[in-house]
Amino acid sequence: MTRLIRITGFLLIAAGALVGLSWIIKPLRAIWPWLKELPLAIQIGLGSAAVGLVLVFASLLWERFEDREQDRRLKDEN
C-alpha cells in the first residue's frame, strides 16, 4: 500500500513540477494565463499534484517514525 501511495504521489509531484516550471522560467510565463483558463477538471488535477506532494512526504515521515525504535536498537548494538 505504501508503495502505491508513493508512486501516485511522485506522479502527482511531477505534474505539479511542470506547472511550477512554467511559472519560474520566464519564457514559459506566457503559458500561465493559459493554465488559469484551463477547464476545472485540469485545475483539479493540478491541485492533486500538491496533494501528492503532501502524501509522499507524509508516508516518508510515517515510515521513519515507525523505524525509529529499530534504528535505535541497531545503534545500541554497535
N, C-alpha and C. Protein backbone atom coordinates (compact mmCIF):
# COMPACT_ATOMS: atom_id res chain seq x y z
N MET A 1 0.81 -1.19 0.00
CA MET A 1 0.00 0.00 0.00
C MET A 1 0.86 1.26 0.00
N THR A 2 1.92 1.22 0.83
CA THR A 2 2.80 2.39 0.90
C THR A 2 3.45 2.64 -0.45
N ARG A 3 3.80 1.57 -1.14
CA ARG A 3 4.44 1.73 -2.45
C ARG A 3 3.49 2.40 -3.44
N LEU A 4 2.23 1.99 -3.44
CA LEU A 4 1.23 2.60 -4.33
C LEU A 4 1.05 4.08 -4.01
N ILE A 5 1.00 4.40 -2.73
CA ILE A 5 0.84 5.79 -2.32
C ILE A 5 2.03 6.62 -2.81
N ARG A 6 3.22 6.07 -2.66
CA ARG A 6 4.41 6.82 -3.09
C ARG A 6 4.46 6.99 -4.60
N ILE A 7 4.14 5.97 -5.35
CA ILE A 7 4.15 6.08 -6.81
C ILE A 7 3.14 7.14 -7.25
N THR A 8 1.94 7.07 -6.68
CA THR A 8 0.92 8.06 -7.01
C THR A 8 1.39 9.46 -6.63
N GLY A 9 1.97 9.58 -5.48
CA GLY A 9 2.47 10.87 -5.02
C GLY A 9 3.55 11.43 -5.94
N PHE A 10 4.49 10.59 -6.35
CA PHE A 10 5.56 11.06 -7.23
C PHE A 10 5.02 11.47 -8.59
N LEU A 11 4.05 10.76 -9.11
CA LEU A 11 3.45 11.17 -10.38
C LEU A 11 2.75 12.52 -10.26
N LEU A 12 2.06 12.71 -9.15
CA LEU A 12 1.39 13.99 -8.93
C LEU A 12 2.41 15.12 -8.73
N ILE A 13 3.51 14.82 -8.09
CA ILE A 13 4.56 15.82 -7.91
C ILE A 13 5.13 16.22 -9.27
N ALA A 14 5.35 15.26 -10.14
CA ALA A 14 5.87 15.56 -11.47
C ALA A 14 4.93 16.50 -12.23
N ALA A 15 3.66 16.25 -12.14
CA ALA A 15 2.69 17.13 -12.81
C ALA A 15 2.75 18.53 -12.21
N GLY A 16 2.83 18.61 -10.91
CA GLY A 16 2.92 19.91 -10.25
C GLY A 16 4.22 20.64 -10.57
N ALA A 17 5.31 19.88 -10.71
CA ALA A 17 6.60 20.50 -11.06
C ALA A 17 6.54 21.11 -12.45
N LEU A 18 5.88 20.45 -13.37
CA LEU A 18 5.74 21.02 -14.71
C LEU A 18 5.00 22.34 -14.68
N VAL A 19 3.96 22.40 -13.88
CA VAL A 19 3.21 23.65 -13.75
C VAL A 19 4.08 24.72 -13.07
N GLY A 20 4.81 24.33 -12.05
CA GLY A 20 5.70 25.27 -11.37
C GLY A 20 6.79 25.81 -12.28
N LEU A 21 7.36 24.94 -13.09
CA LEU A 21 8.40 25.38 -14.03
C LEU A 21 7.84 26.35 -15.05
N SER A 22 6.59 26.19 -15.39
CA SER A 22 6.00 27.12 -16.35
C SER A 22 5.92 28.53 -15.76
N TRP A 23 5.93 28.66 -14.45
CA TRP A 23 5.90 29.98 -13.82
C TRP A 23 7.32 30.48 -13.56
N ILE A 24 8.22 29.62 -13.18
CA ILE A 24 9.58 30.02 -12.81
C ILE A 24 10.40 30.45 -14.03
N ILE A 25 10.33 29.70 -15.11
CA ILE A 25 11.10 30.00 -16.31
C ILE A 25 10.38 31.11 -17.08
N LYS A 26 11.08 32.23 -17.22
CA LYS A 26 10.45 33.44 -17.75
C LYS A 26 9.74 33.25 -19.10
N PRO A 27 10.36 32.62 -20.12
CA PRO A 27 9.64 32.47 -21.40
C PRO A 27 8.37 31.62 -21.28
N LEU A 28 8.33 30.75 -20.29
CA LEU A 28 7.16 29.91 -20.12
C LEU A 28 6.03 30.61 -19.36
N ARG A 29 6.30 31.82 -18.84
CA ARG A 29 5.25 32.55 -18.12
C ARG A 29 4.07 32.90 -19.01
N ALA A 30 4.31 32.94 -20.29
CA ALA A 30 3.20 33.21 -21.22
C ALA A 30 2.17 32.10 -21.15
N ILE A 31 2.58 30.93 -20.68
CA ILE A 31 1.67 29.79 -20.56
C ILE A 31 0.76 29.95 -19.33
N TRP A 32 1.23 30.71 -18.32
CA TRP A 32 0.49 30.80 -17.05
C TRP A 32 -0.95 31.27 -17.22
N PRO A 33 -1.21 32.36 -17.97
CA PRO A 33 -2.62 32.76 -18.15
C PRO A 33 -3.45 31.66 -18.82
N TRP A 34 -2.82 30.93 -19.70
CA TRP A 34 -3.50 29.81 -20.36
C TRP A 34 -3.86 28.74 -19.34
N LEU A 35 -2.95 28.49 -18.39
CA LEU A 35 -3.23 27.48 -17.36
C LEU A 35 -4.42 27.89 -16.49
N LYS A 36 -4.54 29.19 -16.22
CA LYS A 36 -5.66 29.65 -15.41
C LYS A 36 -6.99 29.52 -16.14
N GLU A 37 -6.93 29.47 -17.46
CA GLU A 37 -8.15 29.34 -18.25
C GLU A 37 -8.51 27.88 -18.55
N LEU A 38 -7.70 26.97 -18.06
CA LEU A 38 -7.97 25.55 -18.31
C LEU A 38 -9.29 25.15 -17.67
N PRO A 39 -9.86 24.08 -18.17
CA PRO A 39 -11.11 23.58 -17.56
C PRO A 39 -10.90 23.20 -16.10
N LEU A 40 -11.99 23.20 -15.39
CA LEU A 40 -11.95 22.91 -13.96
C LEU A 40 -11.31 21.55 -13.68
N ALA A 41 -11.57 20.58 -14.53
CA ALA A 41 -11.01 19.24 -14.31
C ALA A 41 -9.48 19.27 -14.31
N ILE A 42 -8.90 20.05 -15.21
CA ILE A 42 -7.44 20.16 -15.27
C ILE A 42 -6.92 20.90 -14.04
N GLN A 43 -7.59 21.94 -13.63
CA GLN A 43 -7.18 22.66 -12.44
C GLN A 43 -7.23 21.77 -11.20
N ILE A 44 -8.25 20.94 -11.13
CA ILE A 44 -8.35 19.99 -10.02
C ILE A 44 -7.19 19.00 -10.09
N GLY A 45 -6.85 18.57 -11.29
CA GLY A 45 -5.72 17.66 -11.46
C GLY A 45 -4.42 18.28 -10.99
N LEU A 46 -4.22 19.53 -11.28
CA LEU A 46 -3.01 20.21 -10.83
C LEU A 46 -3.02 20.39 -9.32
N GLY A 47 -4.17 20.62 -8.78
CA GLY A 47 -4.29 20.71 -7.32
C GLY A 47 -3.97 19.37 -6.66
N SER A 48 -4.31 18.31 -7.35
CA SER A 48 -4.00 16.99 -6.80
C SER A 48 -2.49 16.73 -6.79
N ALA A 49 -1.74 17.45 -7.62
CA ALA A 49 -0.29 17.34 -7.58
C ALA A 49 0.24 17.81 -6.23
N ALA A 50 -0.34 18.87 -5.73
CA ALA A 50 0.05 19.37 -4.41
C ALA A 50 -0.32 18.35 -3.33
N VAL A 51 -1.46 17.75 -3.48
CA VAL A 51 -1.87 16.71 -2.51
C VAL A 51 -0.91 15.53 -2.59
N GLY A 52 -0.46 15.19 -3.79
CA GLY A 52 0.50 14.11 -3.95
C GLY A 52 1.81 14.40 -3.23
N LEU A 53 2.25 15.64 -3.29
CA LEU A 53 3.47 16.03 -2.59
C LEU A 53 3.32 15.82 -1.10
N VAL A 54 2.22 16.27 -0.56
CA VAL A 54 1.96 16.09 0.86
C VAL A 54 1.87 14.61 1.21
N LEU A 55 1.25 13.83 0.35
CA LEU A 55 1.08 12.40 0.57
C LEU A 55 2.43 11.68 0.63
N VAL A 56 3.32 11.99 -0.29
CA VAL A 56 4.64 11.36 -0.30
C VAL A 56 5.42 11.75 0.95
N PHE A 57 5.44 13.03 1.28
CA PHE A 57 6.17 13.45 2.46
C PHE A 57 5.60 12.82 3.72
N ALA A 58 4.29 12.73 3.81
CA ALA A 58 3.67 12.13 4.98
C ALA A 58 4.02 10.65 5.09
N SER A 59 4.03 9.93 3.97
CA SER A 59 4.36 8.50 4.03
C SER A 59 5.82 8.29 4.40
N LEU A 60 6.69 9.16 3.92
CA LEU A 60 8.10 9.05 4.28
C LEU A 60 8.31 9.34 5.77
N LEU A 61 7.66 10.37 6.27
CA LEU A 61 7.78 10.69 7.69
C LEU A 61 7.20 9.58 8.56
N TRP A 62 6.09 9.02 8.15
CA TRP A 62 5.47 7.94 8.94
C TRP A 62 6.37 6.72 8.97
N GLU A 63 6.99 6.39 7.84
CA GLU A 63 7.90 5.24 7.80
C GLU A 63 9.10 5.47 8.71
N ARG A 64 9.65 6.67 8.68
CA ARG A 64 10.79 6.98 9.54
C ARG A 64 10.37 6.92 11.01
N PHE A 65 9.17 7.37 11.31
CA PHE A 65 8.68 7.34 12.68
C PHE A 65 8.54 5.90 13.17
N GLU A 66 8.03 5.02 12.29
CA GLU A 66 7.86 3.61 12.67
C GLU A 66 9.20 2.91 12.84
N ASP A 67 10.20 3.27 12.06
CA ASP A 67 11.51 2.60 12.11
C ASP A 67 12.44 3.21 13.15
N ARG A 68 12.00 4.22 13.83
CA ARG A 68 12.85 4.93 14.78
C ARG A 68 13.38 4.00 15.88
N GLU A 69 12.52 3.21 16.46
CA GLU A 69 12.92 2.32 17.55
C GLU A 69 13.89 1.25 17.06
N GLN A 70 13.63 0.70 15.90
CA GLN A 70 14.53 -0.32 15.33
C GLN A 70 15.90 0.30 15.05
N ASP A 71 15.94 1.51 14.54
CA ASP A 71 17.21 2.18 14.29
C ASP A 71 17.97 2.42 15.59
N ARG A 72 17.25 2.75 16.64
CA ARG A 72 17.88 2.98 17.94
C ARG A 72 18.50 1.69 18.46
N ARG A 73 17.79 0.56 18.29
CA ARG A 73 18.34 -0.73 18.74
C ARG A 73 19.59 -1.10 17.95
N LEU A 74 19.59 -0.85 16.65
CA LEU A 74 20.77 -1.15 15.84
C LEU A 74 21.96 -0.30 16.26
N LYS A 75 21.70 0.93 16.59
CA LYS A 75 22.76 1.82 17.03
C LYS A 75 23.35 1.34 18.34
N ASP A 76 22.49 0.87 19.26
CA ASP A 76 22.96 0.39 20.57
C ASP A 76 23.75 -0.90 20.44
N GLU A 77 23.48 -1.72 19.44
CA GLU A 77 24.21 -2.98 19.25
C GLU A 77 25.67 -2.73 18.91
N ASN A 78 25.91 -1.69 18.15
CA ASN A 78 27.28 -1.39 17.73
C ASN A 78 27.96 -0.67 18.84
